[in-house]
Amino acid sequence: MQKNVKKSNKCGGKGIEKRYMKSKATCRVTFRLPKEAAPGAKTVTIVGDFNNWNITETPMKRLKNGDFKLTLELPCDREYSFRYLIDANRWEKDWFADKHIPGEEEEVDNSVVVV
């Protein structure tokens, strides 16, 4: 049986949830973009270091309440920069990220999750 340790950076059910796997050096990270960050959005993809900044590779699931959610299993002891791409034309940072760093050529900062 696989045991895990849960850590959360959430506020009212929003934000990033981390589950560290004791049996391997990975962390299941659940990203959740609240509907307030993407009003009326049809699609959201998460784009970052973990997918070589591919804008189509990692679409998120739209929930009934309008939030978007996705869980990724990431190797531990790393920091991953990322952003959300809304409807293929607008960038958004994660309001609940562990930290933010300046983006390279965009107005939106990159979000960072530390696992």
PDB file of N, CA and C in Angstrom:
ATOM      1  N   MET A   1       0.829  -1.173   0.000  1.00  0.00           N
ATOM      2  CA  MET A   1       0.000   0.000   0.000  1.00  0.00           C
ATOM      3  C   MET A   1       0.881   1.246   0.000  1.00  0.00           C
ATOM      4  N   GLN A   2       0.571   2.172  -0.864  1.00  0.00           N
ATOM      5  CA  GLN A   2       1.357   3.386  -1.001  1.00  0.00           C
ATOM      6  C   GLN A   2       0.851   4.426  -0.007  1.00  0.00           C
ATOM      7  N   LYS A   3       1.734   4.942   0.816  1.00  0.00           N
ATOM      8  CA  LYS A   3       1.376   5.987   1.766  1.00  0.00           C
ATOM      9  C   LYS A   3       1.859   7.313   1.219  1.00  0.00           C
ATOM     10  N   ASN A   4       1.171   8.358   1.624  1.00  0.00           N
ATOM     11  CA  ASN A   4       1.624   9.662   1.183  1.00  0.00           C
ATOM     12  C   ASN A   4       1.427  10.694   2.275  1.00  0.00           C
ATOM     13  N   VAL A   5       2.084  11.805   2.107  1.00  0.00           N
ATOM     14  CA  VAL A   5       1.981  12.923   3.029  1.00  0.00           C
ATOM     15  C   VAL A   5       1.394  14.085   2.253  1.00  0.00           C
ATOM     16  N   LYS A   6       0.355  14.691   2.804  1.00  0.00           N
ATOM     17  CA  LYS A   6      -0.339  15.766   2.108  1.00  0.00           C
ATOM     18  C   LYS A   6       0.095  17.127   2.645  1.00  0.00           C
ATOM     19  N   LYS A   7       0.427  18.022   1.730  1.00  0.00           N
ATOM     20  CA  LYS A   7       0.689  19.418   2.075  1.00  0.00           C
ATOM     21  C   LYS A   7      -0.138  20.265   1.128  1.00  0.00           C
ATOM     22  N   SER A   8      -0.621  21.371   1.637  1.00  0.00           N
ATOM     23  CA  SER A   8      -1.536  22.164   0.844  1.00  0.00           C
ATOM     24  C   SER A   8      -1.189  23.644   0.908  1.00  0.00           C
ATOM     25  N   ASN A   9      -1.375  24.317  -0.206  1.00  0.00           N
ATOM     26  CA  ASN A   9      -1.248  25.767  -0.275  1.00  0.00           C
ATOM     27  C   ASN A   9      -2.563  26.261  -0.863  1.00  0.00           C
ATOM     28  N   LYS A  10      -3.628  26.090  -0.064  1.00  0.00           N
ATOM     29  CA  LYS A  10      -4.961  26.366  -0.576  1.00  0.00           C
ATOM     30  C   LYS A  10      -5.652  27.423   0.271  1.00  0.00           C
ATOM     31  N   CYS A  11      -6.638  28.027  -0.327  1.00  0.00           N
ATOM     32  CA  CYS A  11      -7.470  29.009   0.356  1.00  0.00           C
ATOM     33  C   CYS A  11      -8.899  28.778  -0.115  1.00  0.00           C
ATOM     34  N   GLY A  12      -9.747  28.276   0.761  1.00  0.00           N
ATOM     35  CA  GLY A  12     -11.138  28.044   0.388  1.00  0.00           C
ATOM     36  C   GLY A  12     -11.305  27.048  -0.737  1.00  0.00           C
ATOM     37  N   GLY A  13     -10.477  25.989  -0.764  1.00  0.00           N
ATOM     38  CA  GLY A  13     -10.599  24.972  -1.802  1.00  0.00           C
ATOM     39  C   GLY A  13      -9.912  25.328  -3.110  1.00  0.00           C
ATOM     40  N   LYS A  14      -9.239  26.445  -3.155  1.00  0.00           N
ATOM     41  CA  LYS A  14      -8.525  26.868  -4.364  1.00  0.00           C
ATOM     42  C   LYS A  14      -7.038  26.655  -4.145  1.00  0.00           C
ATOM     43  N   GLY A  15      -6.277  26.698  -5.212  1.00  0.00           N
ATOM     44  CA  GLY A  15      -4.833  26.671  -5.071  1.00  0.00           C
ATOM     45  C   GLY A  15      -4.186  25.352  -5.406  1.00  0.00           C
ATOM     46  N   ILE A  16      -2.997  25.150  -4.859  1.00  0.00           N
ATOM     47  CA  ILE A  16      -2.160  23.996  -5.176  1.00  0.00           C
ATOM     48  C   ILE A  16      -2.163  23.034  -4.004  1.00  0.00           C
ATOM     49  N   GLU A  17      -2.389  21.770  -4.299  1.00  0.00           N
ATOM     50  CA  GLU A  17      -2.325  20.725  -3.279  1.00  0.00           C
ATOM     51  C   GLU A  17      -1.216  19.759  -3.651  1.00  0.00           C
ATOM     52  N   LYS A  18      -0.398  19.381  -2.672  1.00  0.00           N
ATOM     53  CA  LYS A  18       0.740  18.491  -2.912  1.00  0.00           C
ATOM     54  C   LYS A  18       0.592  17.233  -2.076  1.00  0.00           C
ATOM     55  N   ARG A  19       0.818  16.087  -2.706  1.00  0.00           N
ATOM     56  CA  ARG A  19       0.848  14.801  -2.002  1.00  0.00           C
ATOM     57  C   ARG A  19       2.192  14.152  -2.289  1.00  0.00           C
ATOM     58  N   TYR A  20       3.036  14.099  -1.266  1.00  0.00           N
ATOM     59  CA  TYR A  20       4.373  13.521  -1.400  1.00  0.00           C
ATOM     60  C   TYR A  20       4.281  12.013  -1.215  1.00  0.00           C
ATOM     61  N   MET A  21       4.818  11.279  -2.176  1.00  0.00           N
ATOM     62  CA  MET A  21       4.795   9.827  -2.133  1.00  0.00           C
ATOM     63  C   MET A  21       5.963   9.313  -1.300  1.00  0.00           C
ATOM     64  N   LYS A  22       5.660   8.510  -0.301  1.00  0.00           N
ATOM     65  CA  LYS A  22       6.725   7.944   0.536  1.00  0.00           C
ATOM     66  C   LYS A  22       7.464   6.817  -0.172  1.00  0.00           C
ATOM     67  N   SER A  23       6.795   6.167  -1.113  1.00  0.00           N
ATOM     68  CA  SER A  23       7.397   5.011  -1.781  1.00  0.00           C
ATOM     69  C   SER A  23       8.292   5.389  -2.961  1.00  0.00           C
ATOM     70  N   LYS A  24       8.235   6.643  -3.396  1.00  0.00           N
ATOM     71  CA  LYS A  24       9.095   7.093  -4.486  1.00  0.00           C
ATOM     72  C   LYS A  24       9.288   8.596  -4.366  1.00  0.00           C
ATOM     73  N   ALA A  25      10.289   9.094  -5.043  1.00  0.00           N
ATOM     74  CA  ALA A  25      10.663  10.506  -4.912  1.00  0.00           C
ATOM     75  C   ALA A  25       9.861  11.391  -5.856  1.00  0.00           C
ATOM     76  N   THR A  26       8.543  11.291  -5.747  1.00  0.00           N
ATOM     77  CA  THR A  26       7.677  12.126  -6.562  1.00  0.00           C
ATOM     78  C   THR A  26       6.606  12.764  -5.686  1.00  0.00           C
ATOM     79  N   CYS A  27       5.962  13.749  -6.267  1.00  0.00           N
ATOM     80  CA  CYS A  27       4.886  14.455  -5.591  1.00  0.00           C
ATOM     81  C   CYS A  27       3.733  14.606  -6.577  1.00  0.00           C
ATOM     82  N   ARG A  28       2.529  14.264  -6.135  1.00  0.00           N
ATOM     83  CA  ARG A  28       1.335  14.510  -6.954  1.00  0.00           C
ATOM     84  C   ARG A  28       0.862  15.918  -6.639  1.00  0.00           C
ATOM     85  N   VAL A  29       0.947  16.760  -7.640  1.00  0.00           N
ATOM     86  CA  VAL A  29       0.590  18.164  -7.467  1.00  0.00           C
ATOM     87  C   VAL A  29      -0.719  18.422  -8.198  1.00  0.00           C
ATOM     88  N   THR A  30      -1.713  18.892  -7.455  1.00  0.00           N
ATOM     89  CA  THR A  30      -2.993  19.248  -8.049  1.00  0.00           C
ATOM     90  C   THR A  30      -3.058  20.766  -8.173  1.00  0.00           C
ATOM     91  N   PHE A  31      -3.174  21.218  -9.414  1.00  0.00           N
ATOM     92  CA  PHE A  31      -3.286  22.637  -9.730  1.00  0.00           C
ATOM     93  C   PHE A  31      -4.767  22.952  -9.910  1.00  0.00           C
ATOM     94  N   ARG A  32      -5.207  24.065  -9.353  1.00  0.00           N
ATOM     95  CA  ARG A  32      -6.609  24.455  -9.482  1.00  0.00           C
ATOM     96  C   ARG A  32      -6.671  25.955  -9.761  1.00  0.00           C
ATOM     97  N   LEU A  33      -7.182  26.292 -10.932  1.00  0.00           N
ATOM     98  CA  LEU A  33      -7.347  27.692 -11.310  1.00  0.00           C
ATOM     99  C   LEU A  33      -8.800  28.079 -11.042  1.00  0.00           C
ATOM    100  N   PRO A  34      -9.040  29.033 -10.134  1.00  0.00           N
ATOM    101  CA  PRO A  34     -10.417  29.402  -9.814  1.00  0.00           C
ATOM    102  C   PRO A  34     -11.092  30.142 -10.961  1.00  0.00           C
ATOM    103  N   LYS A  35     -12.401  29.993 -11.035  1.00  0.00           N
ATOM    104  CA  LYS A  35     -13.166  30.631 -12.110  1.00  0.00           C
ATOM    105  C   LYS A  35     -12.994  32.148 -12.101  1.00  0.00           C
ATOM    106  N   GLU A  36     -12.714  32.723 -10.932  1.00  0.00           N
ATOM    107  CA  GLU A  36     -12.504  34.164 -10.842  1.00  0.00           C
ATOM    108  C   GLU A  36     -11.265  34.609 -11.617  1.00  0.00           C
ATOM    109  N   ALA A  37     -10.312  33.715 -11.789  1.00  0.00           N
ATOM    110  CA  ALA A  37      -9.091  34.033 -12.542  1.00  0.00           C
ATOM    111  C   ALA A  37      -9.288  33.859 -14.043  1.00  0.00           C
ATOM    112  N   ALA A  38     -10.347  33.143 -14.412  1.00  0.00           N
ATOM    113  CA  ALA A  38     -10.594  32.855 -15.825  1.00  0.00           C
ATOM    114  C   ALA A  38     -12.091  32.934 -16.126  1.00  0.00           C
ATOM    115  N   PRO A  39     -12.714  34.096 -15.892  1.00  0.00           N
ATOM    116  CA  PRO A  39     -14.159  34.189 -16.096  1.00  0.00           C
ATOM    117  C   PRO A  39     -14.552  33.910 -17.545  1.00  0.00           C
ATOM    118  N   GLY A  40     -15.512  33.001 -17.716  1.00  0.00           N
ATOM    119  CA  GLY A  40     -16.003  32.660 -19.045  1.00  0.00           C
ATOM    120  C   GLY A  40     -15.078  31.805 -19.881  1.00  0.00           C
ATOM    121  N   ALA A  41     -13.993  31.317 -19.310  1.00  0.00           N
ATOM    122  CA  ALA A  41     -13.015  30.534 -20.079  1.00  0.00           C
ATOM    123  C   ALA A  41     -13.613  29.226 -20.575  1.00  0.00           C
ATOM    124  N   LYS A  42     -13.259  28.869 -21.784  1.00  0.00           N
ATOM    125  CA  LYS A  42     -13.663  27.580 -22.369  1.00  0.00           C
ATOM    126  C   LYS A  42     -12.580  26.534 -22.150  1.00  0.00           C
ATOM    127  N   THR A  43     -11.304  26.950 -22.291  1.00  0.00           N
ATOM    128  CA  THR A  43     -10.185  26.018 -22.126  1.00  0.00           C
ATOM    129  C   THR A  43      -9.069  26.683 -21.326  1.00  0.00           C
ATOM    130  N   VAL A  44      -8.356  25.844 -20.582  1.00  0.00           N
ATOM    131  CA  VAL A  44      -7.151  26.287 -19.879  1.00  0.00           C
ATOM    132  C   VAL A  44      -6.121  25.174 -20.000  1.00  0.00           C
ATOM    133  N   THR A  45      -4.911  25.532 -20.364  1.00  0.00           N
ATOM    134  CA  THR A  45      -3.803  24.576 -20.338  1.00  0.00           C
ATOM    135  C   THR A  45      -2.765  25.106 -19.357  1.00  0.00           C
ATOM    136  N   ILE A  46      -2.064  24.177 -18.713  1.00  0.00           N
ATOM    137  CA  ILE A  46      -0.974  24.563 -17.828  1.00  0.00           C
ATOM    138  C   ILE A  46       0.321  24.351 -18.608  1.00  0.00           C
ATOM    139  N   VAL A  47       1.163  25.360 -18.588  1.00  0.00           N
ATOM    140  CA  VAL A  47       2.365  25.371 -19.418  1.00  0.00           C
ATOM    141  C   VAL A  47       3.552  25.699 -18.519  1.00  0.00           C
ATOM    142  N   GLY A  48       4.608  24.863 -18.588  1.00  0.00           N
ATOM    143  CA  GLY A  48       5.743  25.144 -17.722  1.00  0.00           C
ATOM    144  C   GLY A  48       6.943  24.255 -17.967  1.00  0.00           C
ATOM    145  N   ASP A  49       7.858  24.303 -17.007  1.00  0.00           N
ATOM    146  CA  ASP A  49       9.092  23.512 -17.090  1.00  0.00           C
ATOM    147  C   ASP A  49       8.806  22.024 -17.256  1.00  0.00           C
ATOM    148  N   PHE A  50       7.769  21.537 -16.609  1.00  0.00           N
ATOM    149  CA  PHE A  50       7.463  20.103 -16.598  1.00  0.00           C
ATOM    150  C   PHE A  50       6.971  19.580 -17.937  1.00  0.00           C
ATOM    151  N   ASN A  51       6.577  20.455 -18.871  1.00  0.00           N
ATOM    152  CA  ASN A  51       6.172  20.004 -20.205  1.00  0.00           C
ATOM    153  C   ASN A  51       6.891  20.783 -21.310  1.00  0.00           C
ATOM    154  N   ASN A  52       8.083  21.300 -20.977  1.00  0.00           N
ATOM    155  CA  ASN A  52       8.904  22.059 -21.932  1.00  0.00           C
ATOM    156  C   ASN A  52       8.155  23.239 -22.546  1.00  0.00           C
ATOM    157  N   TRP A  53       7.277  23.844 -21.758  1.00  0.00           N
ATOM    158  CA  TRP A  53       6.506  25.014 -22.162  1.00  0.00           C
ATOM    159  C   TRP A  53       5.666  24.770 -23.417  1.00  0.00           C
ATOM    160  N   ASN A  54       5.159  23.549 -23.535  1.00  0.00           N
ATOM    161  CA  ASN A  54       4.292  23.176 -24.652  1.00  0.00           C
ATOM    162  C   ASN A  54       2.877  23.687 -24.361  1.00  0.00           C
ATOM    163  N   ILE A  55       2.330  24.518 -25.240  1.00  0.00           N
ATOM    164  CA  ILE A  55       1.043  25.166 -24.971  1.00  0.00           C
ATOM    165  C   ILE A  55      -0.178  24.283 -25.218  1.00  0.00           C
ATOM    166  N   THR A  56       0.015  23.077 -25.751  1.00  0.00           N
ATOM    167  CA  THR A  56      -1.128  22.197 -26.005  1.00  0.00           C
ATOM    168  C   THR A  56      -1.068  20.872 -25.252  1.00  0.00           C
ATOM    169  N   GLU A  57       0.059  20.551 -24.644  1.00  0.00           N
ATOM    170  CA  GLU A  57       0.283  19.216 -24.082  1.00  0.00           C
ATOM    171  C   GLU A  57      -0.520  18.905 -22.819  1.00  0.00           C
ATOM    172  N   THR A  58      -0.843  19.903 -22.010  1.00  0.00           N
ATOM    173  CA  THR A  58      -1.397  19.625 -20.691  1.00  0.00           C
ATOM    174  C   THR A  58      -2.682  20.418 -20.429  1.00  0.00           C
ATOM    175  N   PRO A  59      -3.791  20.031 -21.080  1.00  0.00           N
ATOM    176  CA  PRO A  59      -5.063  20.728 -20.830  1.00  0.00           C
ATOM    177  C   PRO A  59      -5.614  20.382 -19.446  1.00  0.00           C
ATOM    178  N   MET A  60      -6.310  21.337 -18.866  1.00  0.00           N
ATOM    179  CA  MET A  60      -6.928  21.139 -17.563  1.00  0.00           C
ATOM    180  C   MET A  60      -8.399  20.788 -17.744  1.00  0.00           C
ATOM    181  N   LYS A  61      -8.972  20.154 -16.733  1.00  0.00           N
ATOM    182  CA  LYS A  61     -10.383  19.767 -16.774  1.00  0.00           C
ATOM    183  C   LYS A  61     -11.231  20.877 -16.157  1.00  0.00           C
ATOM    184  N   ARG A  62     -12.291  21.250 -16.869  1.00  0.00           N
ATOM    185  CA  ARG A  62     -13.218  22.259 -16.344  1.00  0.00           C
ATOM    186  C   ARG A  62     -14.200  21.572 -15.404  1.00  0.00           C
ATOM    187  N   LEU A  63     -14.321  22.099 -14.202  1.00  0.00           N
ATOM    188  CA  LEU A  63     -15.225  21.549 -13.205  1.00  0.00           C
ATOM    189  C   LEU A  63     -16.601  22.206 -13.314  1.00  0.00           C
ATOM    190  N   LYS A  64     -17.597  21.586 -12.709  1.00  0.00           N
ATOM    191  CA  LYS A  64     -18.962  22.112 -12.777  1.00  0.00           C
ATOM    192  C   LYS A  64     -19.074  23.527 -12.222  1.00  0.00           C
ATOM    193  N   ASN A  65     -18.251  23.846 -11.228  1.00  0.00           N
ATOM    194  CA  ASN A  65     -18.323  25.182 -10.619  1.00  0.00           C
ATOM    195  C   ASN A  65     -17.565  26.245 -11.418  1.00  0.00           C
ATOM    196  N   GLY A  66     -16.935  25.852 -12.536  1.00  0.00           N
ATOM    197  CA  GLY A  66     -16.218  26.799 -13.389  1.00  0.00           C
ATOM    198  C   GLY A  66     -14.718  26.854 -13.167  1.00  0.00           C
ATOM    199  N   ASP A  67     -14.230  26.225 -12.086  1.00  0.00           N
ATOM    200  CA  ASP A  67     -12.786  26.133 -11.858  1.00  0.00           C
ATOM    201  C   ASP A  67     -12.179  25.148 -12.853  1.00  0.00           C
ATOM    202  N   PHE A  68     -10.857  25.206 -13.015  1.00  0.00           N
ATOM    203  CA  PHE A  68     -10.120  24.242 -13.829  1.00  0.00           C
ATOM    204  C   PHE A  68      -9.135  23.524 -12.927  1.00  0.00           C
ATOM    205  N   LYS A  69      -8.948  22.203 -13.180  1.00  0.00           N
ATOM    206  CA  LYS A  69      -8.136  21.381 -12.278  1.00  0.00           C
ATOM    207  C   LYS A  69      -7.330  20.357 -13.069  1.00  0.00           C
ATOM    208  N   LEU A  70      -6.119  20.059 -12.559  1.00  0.00           N
ATOM    209  CA  LEU A  70      -5.263  19.041 -13.167  1.00  0.00           C
ATOM    210  C   LEU A  70      -4.272  18.550 -12.124  1.00  0.00           C
ATOM    211  N   THR A  71      -4.011  17.233 -12.124  1.00  0.00           N
ATOM    212  CA  THR A  71      -3.010  16.651 -11.234  1.00  0.00           C
ATOM    213  C   THR A  71      -1.863  16.100 -12.066  1.00  0.00           C
ATOM    214  N   LEU A  72      -0.632  16.457 -11.671  1.00  0.00           N
ATOM    215  CA  LEU A  72       0.585  15.968 -12.316  1.00  0.00           C
ATOM    216  C   LEU A  72       1.461  15.308 -11.268  1.00  0.00           C
ATOM    217  N   GLU A  73       2.186  14.263 -11.661  1.00  0.00           N
ATOM    218  CA  GLU A  73       3.170  13.650 -10.775  1.00  0.00           C
ATOM    219  C   GLU A  73       4.543  14.176 -11.184  1.00  0.00           C
ATOM    220  N   LEU A  74       5.193  14.876 -10.257  1.00  0.00           N
ATOM    221  CA  LEU A  74       6.456  15.545 -10.557  1.00  0.00           C
ATOM    222  C   LEU A  74       7.578  15.032  -9.664  1.00  0.00           C
ATOM    223  N   PRO A  75       8.800  14.916 -10.199  1.00  0.00           N
ATOM    224  CA  PRO A  75       9.949  14.554  -9.367  1.00  0.00           C
ATOM    225  C   PRO A  75      10.169  15.601  -8.267  1.00  0.00           C
ATOM    226  N   CYS A  76      10.553  15.126  -7.088  1.00  0.00           N
ATOM    227  CA  CYS A  76      10.767  16.003  -5.926  1.00  0.00           C
ATOM    228  C   CYS A  76      12.107  16.730  -5.989  1.00  0.00           C
ATOM    229  N   ASP A  77      12.280  17.621  -5.044  1.00  0.00           N
ATOM    230  CA  ASP A  77      13.507  18.407  -4.870  1.00  0.00           C
ATOM    231  C   ASP A  77      13.786  19.326  -6.051  1.00  0.00           C
ATOM    232  N   ARG A  78      12.707  19.899  -6.578  1.00  0.00           N
ATOM    233  CA  ARG A  78      12.835  20.822  -7.707  1.00  0.00           C
ATOM    234  C   ARG A  78      11.840  21.955  -7.565  1.00  0.00           C
ATOM    235  N   GLU A  79      12.099  23.011  -8.301  1.00  0.00           N
ATOM    236  CA  GLU A  79      11.152  24.104  -8.458  1.00  0.00           C
ATOM    237  C   GLU A  79      10.720  24.125  -9.917  1.00  0.00           C
ATOM    238  N   TYR A  80       9.437  24.281 -10.146  1.00  0.00           N
ATOM    239  CA  TYR A  80       8.892  24.286 -11.504  1.00  0.00           C
ATOM    240  C   TYR A  80       8.193  25.619 -11.758  1.00  0.00           C
ATOM    241  N   SER A  81       8.635  26.327 -12.796  1.00  0.00           N
ATOM    242  CA  SER A  81       7.960  27.545 -13.233  1.00  0.00           C
ATOM    243  C   SER A  81       6.821  27.150 -14.159  1.00  0.00           C
ATOM    244  N   PHE A  82       5.725  27.897 -14.080  1.00  0.00           N
ATOM    245  CA  PHE A  82       4.574  27.591 -14.936  1.00  0.00           C
ATOM    246  C   PHE A  82       3.642  28.793 -15.014  1.00  0.00           C
ATOM    247  N   ARG A  83       2.706  28.701 -15.958  1.00  0.00           N
ATOM    248  CA  ARG A  83       1.610  29.662 -16.135  1.00  0.00           C
ATOM    249  C   ARG A  83       0.405  28.912 -16.672  1.00  0.00           C
ATOM    250  N   TYR A  84      -0.729  29.570 -16.614  1.00  0.00           N
ATOM    251  CA  TYR A  84      -1.940  29.043 -17.237  1.00  0.00           C
ATOM    252  C   TYR A  84      -2.190  29.818 -18.528  1.00  0.00           C
ATOM    253  N   LEU A  85      -2.578  29.088 -19.589  1.00  0.00           N
ATOM    254  CA  LEU A  85      -2.953  29.711 -20.853  1.00  0.00           C
ATOM    255  C   LEU A  85      -4.461  29.551 -21.017  1.00  0.00           C
ATOM    256  N   ILE A  86      -5.162  30.662 -21.014  1.00  0.00           N
ATOM    257  CA  ILE A  86      -6.624  30.670 -21.048  1.00  0.00           C
ATOM    258  C   ILE A  86      -7.101  30.928 -22.469  1.00  0.00           C
ATOM    259  N   ASP A  87      -7.930  30.008 -22.972  1.00  0.00           N
ATOM    260  CA  ASP A  87      -8.512  30.108 -24.318  1.00  0.00           C
ATOM    261  C   ASP A  87      -7.465  30.403 -25.394  1.00  0.00           C
ATOM    262  N   ALA A  88      -6.261  29.877 -25.199  1.00  0.00           N
ATOM    263  CA  ALA A  88      -5.152  29.964 -26.159  1.00  0.00           C
ATOM    264  C   ALA A  88      -4.725  31.394 -26.478  1.00  0.00           C
ATOM    265  N   ASN A  89      -5.156  32.376 -25.650  1.00  0.00           N
ATOM    266  CA  ASN A  89      -4.764  33.745 -25.980  1.00  0.00           C
ATOM    267  C   ASN A  89      -4.467  34.654 -24.789  1.00  0.00           C
ATOM    268  N   ARG A  90      -4.579  34.132 -23.561  1.00  0.00           N
ATOM    269  CA  ARG A  90      -4.324  34.988 -22.396  1.00  0.00           C
ATOM    270  C   ARG A  90      -3.596  34.206 -21.315  1.00  0.00           C
ATOM    271  N   TRP A  91      -2.533  34.780 -20.786  1.00  0.00           N
ATOM    272  CA  TRP A  91      -1.757  34.144 -19.722  1.00  0.00           C
ATOM    273  C   TRP A  91      -2.263  34.589 -18.361  1.00  0.00           C
ATOM    274  N   GLU A  92      -2.190  33.682 -17.395  1.00  0.00           N
ATOM    275  CA  GLU A  92      -2.548  33.994 -16.008  1.00  0.00           C
ATOM    276  C   GLU A  92      -1.592  33.273 -15.078  1.00  0.00           C
ATOM    277  N   LYS A  93      -1.208  33.939 -13.998  1.00  0.00           N
ATOM    278  CA  LYS A  93      -0.371  33.278 -12.992  1.00  0.00           C
ATOM    279  C   LYS A  93      -1.269  32.555 -11.993  1.00  0.00           C
ATOM    280  N   ASP A  94      -0.677  31.692 -11.198  1.00  0.00           N
ATOM    281  CA  ASP A  94      -1.403  31.005 -10.131  1.00  0.00           C
ATOM    282  C   ASP A  94      -1.357  31.890  -8.891  1.00  0.00           C
ATOM    283  N   TRP A  95      -2.507  32.331  -8.450  1.00  0.00           N
ATOM    284  CA  TRP A  95      -2.587  33.247  -7.316  1.00  0.00           C
ATOM    285  C   TRP A  95      -2.062  32.617  -6.027  1.00  0.00           C
ATOM    286  N   PHE A  96      -2.043  31.283  -5.962  1.00  0.00           N
ATOM    287  CA  PHE A  96      -1.670  30.575  -4.735  1.00  0.00           C
ATOM    288  C   PHE A  96      -0.341  29.837  -4.866  1.00  0.00           C
ATOM    289  N   ALA A  97       0.472  30.203  -5.848  1.00  0.00           N
ATOM    290  CA  ALA A  97       1.764  29.538  -6.064  1.00  0.00           C
ATOM    291  C   ALA A  97       2.692  29.762  -4.872  1.00  0.00           C
ATOM    292  N   ASP A  98       3.706  28.901  -4.770  1.00  0.00           N
ATOM    293  CA  ASP A  98       4.692  29.048  -3.697  1.00  0.00           C
ATOM    294  C   ASP A  98       5.447  30.366  -3.810  1.00  0.00           C
ATOM    295  N   LYS A  99       5.685  30.795  -5.043  1.00  0.00           N
ATOM    296  CA  LYS A  99       6.302  32.101  -5.280  1.00  0.00           C
ATOM    297  C   LYS A  99       6.078  32.493  -6.732  1.00  0.00           C
ATOM    298  N   HIS A 100       6.447  33.722  -7.059  1.00  0.00           N
ATOM    299  CA  HIS A 100       6.341  34.242  -8.425  1.00  0.00           C
ATOM    300  C   HIS A 100       7.688  34.834  -8.822  1.00  0.00           C
ATOM    301  N   ILE A 101       8.019  34.677 -10.103  1.00  0.00           N
ATOM    302  CA  ILE A 101       9.246  35.255 -10.640  1.00  0.00           C
ATOM    303  C   ILE A 101       8.901  35.971 -11.944  1.00  0.00           C
ATOM    304  N   PRO A 102       9.690  36.956 -12.346  1.00  0.00           N
ATOM    305  CA  PRO A 102       9.385  37.677 -13.581  1.00  0.00           C
ATOM    306  C   PRO A 102       9.371  36.746 -14.793  1.00  0.00           C
ATOM    307  N   GLY A 103       8.379  36.950 -15.674  1.00  0.00           N
ATOM    308  CA  GLY A 103       8.324  36.221 -16.929  1.00  0.00           C
ATOM    309  C   GLY A 103       9.329  36.797 -17.905  1.00  0.00           C
ATOM    310  N   GLU A 104       9.666  36.032 -18.927  1.00  0.00           N
ATOM    311  CA  GLU A 104      10.714  36.470 -19.854  1.00  0.00           C
ATOM    312  C   GLU A 104      10.291  37.608 -20.767  1.00  0.00           C
ATOM    313  N   GLU A 105       9.148  37.477 -21.439  1.00  0.00           N
ATOM    314  CA  GLU A 105       8.748  38.519 -22.383  1.00  0.00           C
ATOM    315  C   GLU A 105       7.297  38.920 -22.219  1.00  0.00           C
ATOM    316  N   GLU A 106       6.663  38.481 -21.182  1.00  0.00           N
ATOM    317  CA  GLU A 106       5.239  38.723 -21.000  1.00  0.00           C
ATOM    318  C   GLU A 106       5.007  39.653 -19.814  1.00  0.00           C
ATOM    319  N   GLU A 107       3.822  40.192 -19.740  1.00  0.00           N
ATOM    320  CA  GLU A 107       3.449  41.037 -18.621  1.00  0.00           C
ATOM    321  C   GLU A 107       3.152  40.221 -17.368  1.00  0.00           C
ATOM    322  N   VAL A 108       2.826  38.955 -17.527  1.00  0.00           N
ATOM    323  CA  VAL A 108       2.444  38.100 -16.406  1.00  0.00           C
ATOM    324  C   VAL A 108       3.673  37.398 -15.844  1.00  0.00           C
ATOM    325  N   ASP A 109       3.809  37.436 -14.519  1.00  0.00           N
ATOM    326  CA  ASP A 109       4.890  36.703 -13.863  1.00  0.00           C
ATOM    327  C   ASP A 109       4.695  35.203 -14.025  1.00  0.00           C
ATOM    328  N   ASN A 110       5.795  34.464 -13.941  1.00  0.00           N
ATOM    329  CA  ASN A 110       5.703  33.009 -13.867  1.00  0.00           C
ATOM    330  C   ASN A 110       5.394  32.626 -12.431  1.00  0.00           C
ATOM    331  N   SER A 111       4.588  31.603 -12.269  1.00  0.00           N
ATOM    332  CA  SER A 111       4.324  31.021 -10.962  1.00  0.00           C
ATOM    333  C   SER A 111       5.353  29.932 -10.736  1.00  0.00           C
ATOM    334  N   VAL A 112       5.636  29.633  -9.477  1.00  0.00           N
ATOM    335  CA  VAL A 112       6.593  28.583  -9.141  1.00  0.00           C
ATOM    336  C   VAL A 112       5.971  27.681  -8.090  1.00  0.00           C
ATOM    337  N   VAL A 113       6.054  26.365  -8.343  1.00  0.00           N
ATOM    338  CA  VAL A 113       5.672  25.374  -7.342  1.00  0.00           C
ATOM    339  C   VAL A 113       6.950  24.660  -6.923  1.00  0.00           C
ATOM    340  N   VAL A 114       7.142  24.515  -5.623  1.00  0.00           N
ATOM    341  CA  VAL A 114       8.327  23.868  -5.065  1.00  0.00           C
ATOM    342  C   VAL A 114       7.903  22.515  -4.515  1.00  0.00           C
ATOM    343  N   VAL A 115       8.524  21.444  -5.041  1.00  0.00           N
ATOM    344  CA  VAL A 115       8.185  20.093  -4.542  1.00  0.00           C
ATOM    345  C   VAL A 115       9.434  19.375  -4.067  1.00  0.00           C
TER     346      VAL A 115
END
